[in-house]
N, C-alpha and C. Protein backbone atom coordinates (compact mmCIF):
# COMPACT_ATOMS: atom_id res chain seq x y z
N MET A 1 -130.62 30.20 -131.00
CA MET A 1 -130.47 28.77 -131.06
C MET A 1 -129.20 28.43 -131.83
N ARG A 2 -128.47 27.48 -131.33
CA ARG A 2 -127.23 27.03 -131.98
C ARG A 2 -127.53 25.80 -132.84
N SER A 3 -126.88 25.76 -133.98
CA SER A 3 -127.04 24.64 -134.91
C SER A 3 -125.71 23.94 -135.11
N VAL A 4 -125.79 22.66 -135.43
CA VAL A 4 -124.60 21.90 -135.81
C VAL A 4 -124.40 22.12 -137.31
N LEU A 5 -123.24 22.61 -137.67
CA LEU A 5 -122.92 22.89 -139.07
C LEU A 5 -121.72 22.06 -139.48
N LEU A 6 -121.77 21.53 -140.67
CA LEU A 6 -120.63 20.86 -141.27
C LEU A 6 -120.10 21.84 -142.32
N ILE A 7 -118.87 22.30 -142.12
CA ILE A 7 -118.28 23.29 -143.02
C ILE A 7 -117.08 22.66 -143.70
N ALA A 8 -117.14 22.60 -145.02
CA ALA A 8 -116.06 22.02 -145.83
C ALA A 8 -115.57 23.09 -146.79
N TYR A 9 -114.29 23.06 -147.09
CA TYR A 9 -113.74 24.06 -147.99
C TYR A 9 -112.68 23.46 -148.90
N ASP A 10 -112.57 24.06 -150.06
CA ASP A 10 -111.58 23.68 -151.07
C ASP A 10 -110.89 24.98 -151.47
N ILE A 11 -109.67 25.15 -151.01
CA ILE A 11 -108.93 26.40 -151.21
C ILE A 11 -107.75 26.12 -152.14
N ALA A 12 -107.65 26.88 -153.22
CA ALA A 12 -106.67 26.61 -154.27
C ALA A 12 -105.23 26.94 -153.86
N CYS A 13 -105.04 27.89 -152.99
CA CYS A 13 -103.70 28.36 -152.61
C CYS A 13 -103.35 27.89 -151.20
N ALA A 14 -102.18 27.31 -151.02
CA ALA A 14 -101.77 26.78 -149.71
C ALA A 14 -101.75 27.87 -148.64
N LYS A 15 -101.34 29.07 -149.00
CA LYS A 15 -101.27 30.16 -148.02
C LYS A 15 -102.69 30.53 -147.54
N ARG A 16 -103.63 30.63 -148.47
CA ARG A 16 -105.02 30.92 -148.08
C ARG A 16 -105.63 29.74 -147.33
N TRP A 17 -105.29 28.51 -147.74
CA TRP A 17 -105.80 27.33 -147.04
C TRP A 17 -105.40 27.39 -145.57
N ARG A 18 -104.14 27.72 -145.30
CA ARG A 18 -103.64 27.80 -143.92
C ARG A 18 -104.42 28.85 -143.13
N LYS A 19 -104.68 29.99 -143.73
CA LYS A 19 -105.43 31.05 -143.05
C LYS A 19 -106.85 30.58 -142.72
N VAL A 20 -107.49 29.91 -143.67
CA VAL A 20 -108.85 29.41 -143.44
C VAL A 20 -108.83 28.34 -142.35
N TYR A 21 -107.87 27.43 -142.41
CA TYR A 21 -107.76 26.38 -141.40
C TYR A 21 -107.58 26.98 -140.00
N GLU A 22 -106.70 27.96 -139.87
CA GLU A 22 -106.47 28.58 -138.56
C GLU A 22 -107.72 29.31 -138.07
N LEU A 23 -108.42 29.97 -138.97
CA LEU A 23 -109.66 30.64 -138.59
C LEU A 23 -110.71 29.63 -138.14
N MET A 24 -110.85 28.54 -138.87
CA MET A 24 -111.85 27.53 -138.54
C MET A 24 -111.57 26.85 -137.21
N GLN A 25 -110.31 26.72 -136.83
CA GLN A 25 -109.98 26.09 -135.54
C GLN A 25 -110.62 26.83 -134.38
N GLY A 26 -110.84 28.12 -134.53
CA GLY A 26 -111.47 28.89 -133.47
C GLY A 26 -112.99 28.79 -133.46
N HIS A 27 -113.56 28.06 -134.43
CA HIS A 27 -115.01 28.00 -134.54
C HIS A 27 -115.58 26.58 -134.50
N GLY A 28 -114.73 25.57 -134.55
CA GLY A 28 -115.24 24.20 -134.54
C GLY A 28 -114.12 23.19 -134.42
N ASP A 29 -114.49 21.93 -134.61
CA ASP A 29 -113.54 20.82 -134.49
C ASP A 29 -113.31 20.20 -135.86
N PRO A 30 -112.03 19.99 -136.23
CA PRO A 30 -111.77 19.33 -137.51
C PRO A 30 -112.20 17.87 -137.45
N VAL A 31 -112.93 17.42 -138.47
CA VAL A 31 -113.35 16.02 -138.53
C VAL A 31 -112.66 15.29 -139.66
N GLN A 32 -112.23 16.00 -140.67
CA GLN A 32 -111.42 15.47 -141.76
C GLN A 32 -110.63 16.63 -142.34
N TYR A 33 -109.78 16.32 -143.28
CA TYR A 33 -109.00 17.34 -143.95
C TYR A 33 -109.95 18.36 -144.59
N SER A 34 -109.87 19.61 -144.17
CA SER A 34 -110.70 20.70 -144.70
C SER A 34 -112.19 20.56 -144.42
N VAL A 35 -112.54 19.84 -143.35
CA VAL A 35 -113.94 19.69 -142.94
C VAL A 35 -114.01 19.91 -141.42
N PHE A 36 -114.91 20.80 -141.00
CA PHE A 36 -115.07 21.10 -139.59
C PHE A 36 -116.52 20.89 -139.16
N ARG A 37 -116.71 20.43 -137.93
CA ARG A 37 -118.03 20.37 -137.29
C ARG A 37 -118.09 21.53 -136.32
N CYS A 38 -119.07 22.39 -136.51
CA CYS A 38 -119.19 23.59 -135.70
C CYS A 38 -120.57 23.65 -135.04
N GLU A 39 -120.63 24.25 -133.87
CA GLU A 39 -121.90 24.55 -133.20
C GLU A 39 -121.97 26.06 -133.10
N LEU A 40 -122.78 26.67 -133.97
CA LEU A 40 -122.81 28.13 -134.07
C LEU A 40 -124.25 28.65 -134.09
N SER A 41 -124.42 29.84 -133.56
CA SER A 41 -125.68 30.56 -133.71
C SER A 41 -125.67 31.27 -135.06
N LYS A 42 -126.80 31.83 -135.45
CA LYS A 42 -126.85 32.57 -136.72
C LYS A 42 -125.89 33.76 -136.70
N VAL A 43 -125.79 34.42 -135.56
CA VAL A 43 -124.89 35.57 -135.43
C VAL A 43 -123.44 35.11 -135.54
N GLU A 44 -123.09 34.01 -134.87
CA GLU A 44 -121.72 33.49 -134.95
C GLU A 44 -121.37 33.06 -136.37
N LEU A 45 -122.33 32.47 -137.08
CA LEU A 45 -122.09 32.08 -138.47
C LEU A 45 -121.86 33.31 -139.34
N GLN A 46 -122.62 34.35 -139.12
CA GLN A 46 -122.43 35.59 -139.88
C GLN A 46 -121.05 36.19 -139.61
N ILE A 47 -120.62 36.16 -138.36
CA ILE A 47 -119.28 36.66 -138.01
C ILE A 47 -118.22 35.83 -138.71
N LEU A 48 -118.39 34.51 -138.72
CA LEU A 48 -117.44 33.63 -139.41
C LEU A 48 -117.39 33.97 -140.90
N ARG A 49 -118.55 34.15 -141.52
CA ARG A 49 -118.59 34.52 -142.95
C ARG A 49 -117.84 35.82 -143.20
N GLU A 50 -118.07 36.80 -142.34
CA GLU A 50 -117.40 38.09 -142.50
C GLU A 50 -115.89 37.98 -142.36
N ARG A 51 -115.43 37.04 -141.57
CA ARG A 51 -113.98 36.84 -141.42
C ARG A 51 -113.41 36.00 -142.55
N LEU A 52 -114.22 35.10 -143.13
CA LEU A 52 -113.75 34.26 -144.23
C LEU A 52 -113.67 35.00 -145.57
N TRP A 53 -114.66 35.84 -145.86
CA TRP A 53 -114.76 36.47 -147.18
C TRP A 53 -113.48 37.18 -147.62
N PRO A 54 -112.79 37.93 -146.75
CA PRO A 54 -111.57 38.61 -147.21
C PRO A 54 -110.44 37.64 -147.58
N ILE A 55 -110.48 36.42 -147.06
CA ILE A 55 -109.43 35.43 -147.34
C ILE A 55 -109.69 34.73 -148.67
N LEU A 56 -110.95 34.47 -148.97
CA LEU A 56 -111.32 33.66 -150.13
C LEU A 56 -111.17 34.40 -151.45
N HIS A 57 -110.83 33.66 -152.47
CA HIS A 57 -110.89 34.11 -153.86
C HIS A 57 -111.99 33.28 -154.51
N LEU A 58 -113.17 33.85 -154.63
CA LEU A 58 -114.35 33.08 -155.04
C LEU A 58 -114.26 32.53 -156.46
N GLY A 59 -113.34 33.03 -157.25
CA GLY A 59 -113.13 32.47 -158.57
C GLY A 59 -112.30 31.19 -158.54
N GLU A 60 -111.65 30.92 -157.40
CA GLU A 60 -110.77 29.76 -157.26
C GLU A 60 -111.16 28.85 -156.09
N ASP A 61 -111.73 29.41 -155.05
CA ASP A 61 -112.00 28.68 -153.81
C ASP A 61 -113.50 28.45 -153.64
N ARG A 62 -113.85 27.52 -152.74
CA ARG A 62 -115.25 27.33 -152.40
C ARG A 62 -115.38 26.85 -150.95
N VAL A 63 -116.51 27.21 -150.36
CA VAL A 63 -116.85 26.79 -149.00
C VAL A 63 -118.28 26.25 -149.06
N MET A 64 -118.50 25.10 -148.41
CA MET A 64 -119.83 24.50 -148.34
C MET A 64 -120.24 24.45 -146.87
N ILE A 65 -121.44 24.90 -146.58
CA ILE A 65 -121.96 24.87 -145.21
C ILE A 65 -123.25 24.06 -145.21
N ALA A 66 -123.27 22.97 -144.45
CA ALA A 66 -124.46 22.13 -144.32
C ALA A 66 -124.99 22.27 -142.90
N ASP A 67 -126.24 22.71 -142.76
CA ASP A 67 -126.88 22.85 -141.46
C ASP A 67 -127.51 21.50 -141.11
N LEU A 68 -126.97 20.84 -140.07
CA LEU A 68 -127.43 19.51 -139.68
C LEU A 68 -128.56 19.55 -138.65
N GLY A 69 -128.90 20.74 -138.17
CA GLY A 69 -130.01 20.88 -137.24
C GLY A 69 -129.58 21.44 -135.90
N PRO A 70 -130.55 21.68 -135.01
CA PRO A 70 -130.26 22.26 -133.71
C PRO A 70 -129.35 21.36 -132.86
N VAL A 71 -128.49 22.00 -132.06
CA VAL A 71 -127.57 21.27 -131.19
C VAL A 71 -128.35 20.34 -130.25
N ASP A 72 -129.49 20.81 -129.74
CA ASP A 72 -130.28 20.02 -128.79
C ASP A 72 -131.31 19.13 -129.48
N GLY A 73 -131.24 19.02 -130.78
CA GLY A 73 -132.19 18.20 -131.52
C GLY A 73 -131.48 17.28 -132.49
N ARG A 74 -131.94 17.28 -133.72
CA ARG A 74 -131.40 16.41 -134.77
C ARG A 74 -129.90 16.60 -134.99
N GLY A 75 -129.40 17.81 -134.80
CA GLY A 75 -127.99 18.09 -135.03
C GLY A 75 -127.05 17.25 -134.17
N ALA A 76 -127.51 16.86 -132.98
CA ALA A 76 -126.67 16.09 -132.07
C ALA A 76 -126.41 14.68 -132.58
N THR A 77 -127.29 14.14 -133.42
CA THR A 77 -127.16 12.75 -133.86
C THR A 77 -127.09 12.60 -135.38
N SER A 78 -127.07 13.69 -136.11
CA SER A 78 -127.16 13.60 -137.57
C SER A 78 -125.85 13.28 -138.27
N LEU A 79 -124.74 13.40 -137.59
CA LEU A 79 -123.44 13.13 -138.20
C LEU A 79 -122.92 11.79 -137.69
N GLN A 80 -122.71 10.86 -138.60
CA GLN A 80 -122.14 9.56 -138.25
C GLN A 80 -120.69 9.53 -138.69
N GLN A 81 -119.87 8.84 -137.93
CA GLN A 81 -118.47 8.68 -138.29
C GLN A 81 -118.10 7.22 -138.13
N TRP A 82 -117.50 6.67 -139.15
CA TRP A 82 -117.05 5.28 -139.12
C TRP A 82 -115.54 5.28 -139.16
N GLY A 83 -114.93 4.33 -138.47
CA GLY A 83 -113.47 4.23 -138.48
C GLY A 83 -112.85 5.01 -137.34
N VAL A 84 -111.60 5.32 -137.48
CA VAL A 84 -110.82 5.97 -136.43
C VAL A 84 -111.36 7.38 -136.18
N ALA A 85 -111.67 7.66 -134.92
CA ALA A 85 -112.16 8.99 -134.55
C ALA A 85 -110.99 9.92 -134.28
N ARG A 86 -111.14 11.16 -134.65
CA ARG A 86 -110.13 12.16 -134.36
C ARG A 86 -110.27 12.54 -132.89
N GLN A 87 -109.19 12.53 -132.16
CA GLN A 87 -109.22 12.85 -130.74
C GLN A 87 -109.21 14.36 -130.56
N ALA A 88 -109.95 14.85 -129.57
CA ALA A 88 -109.96 16.28 -129.27
C ALA A 88 -108.54 16.72 -128.94
N GLY A 89 -108.14 17.83 -129.49
CA GLY A 89 -106.79 18.35 -129.25
C GLY A 89 -105.73 17.74 -130.14
N GLN A 90 -106.09 16.75 -130.95
CA GLN A 90 -105.13 16.13 -131.86
C GLN A 90 -104.79 17.14 -132.95
N PRO A 91 -103.50 17.34 -133.23
CA PRO A 91 -103.14 18.33 -134.24
C PRO A 91 -103.69 17.95 -135.61
N GLY A 92 -104.04 18.96 -136.36
CA GLY A 92 -104.57 18.76 -137.70
C GLY A 92 -103.46 18.66 -138.72
N PRO A 93 -103.83 18.64 -139.99
CA PRO A 93 -102.83 18.55 -141.05
C PRO A 93 -101.96 19.80 -141.10
N ARG A 94 -100.77 19.64 -141.60
CA ARG A 94 -99.83 20.76 -141.71
C ARG A 94 -99.34 20.86 -143.14
N ILE A 95 -99.21 22.08 -143.61
CA ILE A 95 -98.60 22.32 -144.91
C ILE A 95 -97.23 22.91 -144.66
N VAL A 96 -96.23 22.27 -145.23
CA VAL A 96 -94.85 22.72 -145.03
C VAL A 96 -94.33 23.33 -146.31
């Protein structure tokens, strides 16, 4: 079963932030700066964790994962967004 997950991260180093952002783009849609909405199974979430851990410095960085519920249930309607919606395919933030 796939769940809707809200994944937010706070990465202290710009280089690591970029790596996390690029990794997350392959797993979900950015909804705000450093926040992604993902639809993942438990196995896919474990794979994502295994790919994130080598990038993170847990003494400086943090990742929060909120399970909003099944894709075909509560997860489909549990996230509300007010204001301007991010368009699919719209480029995300860039660090120069």
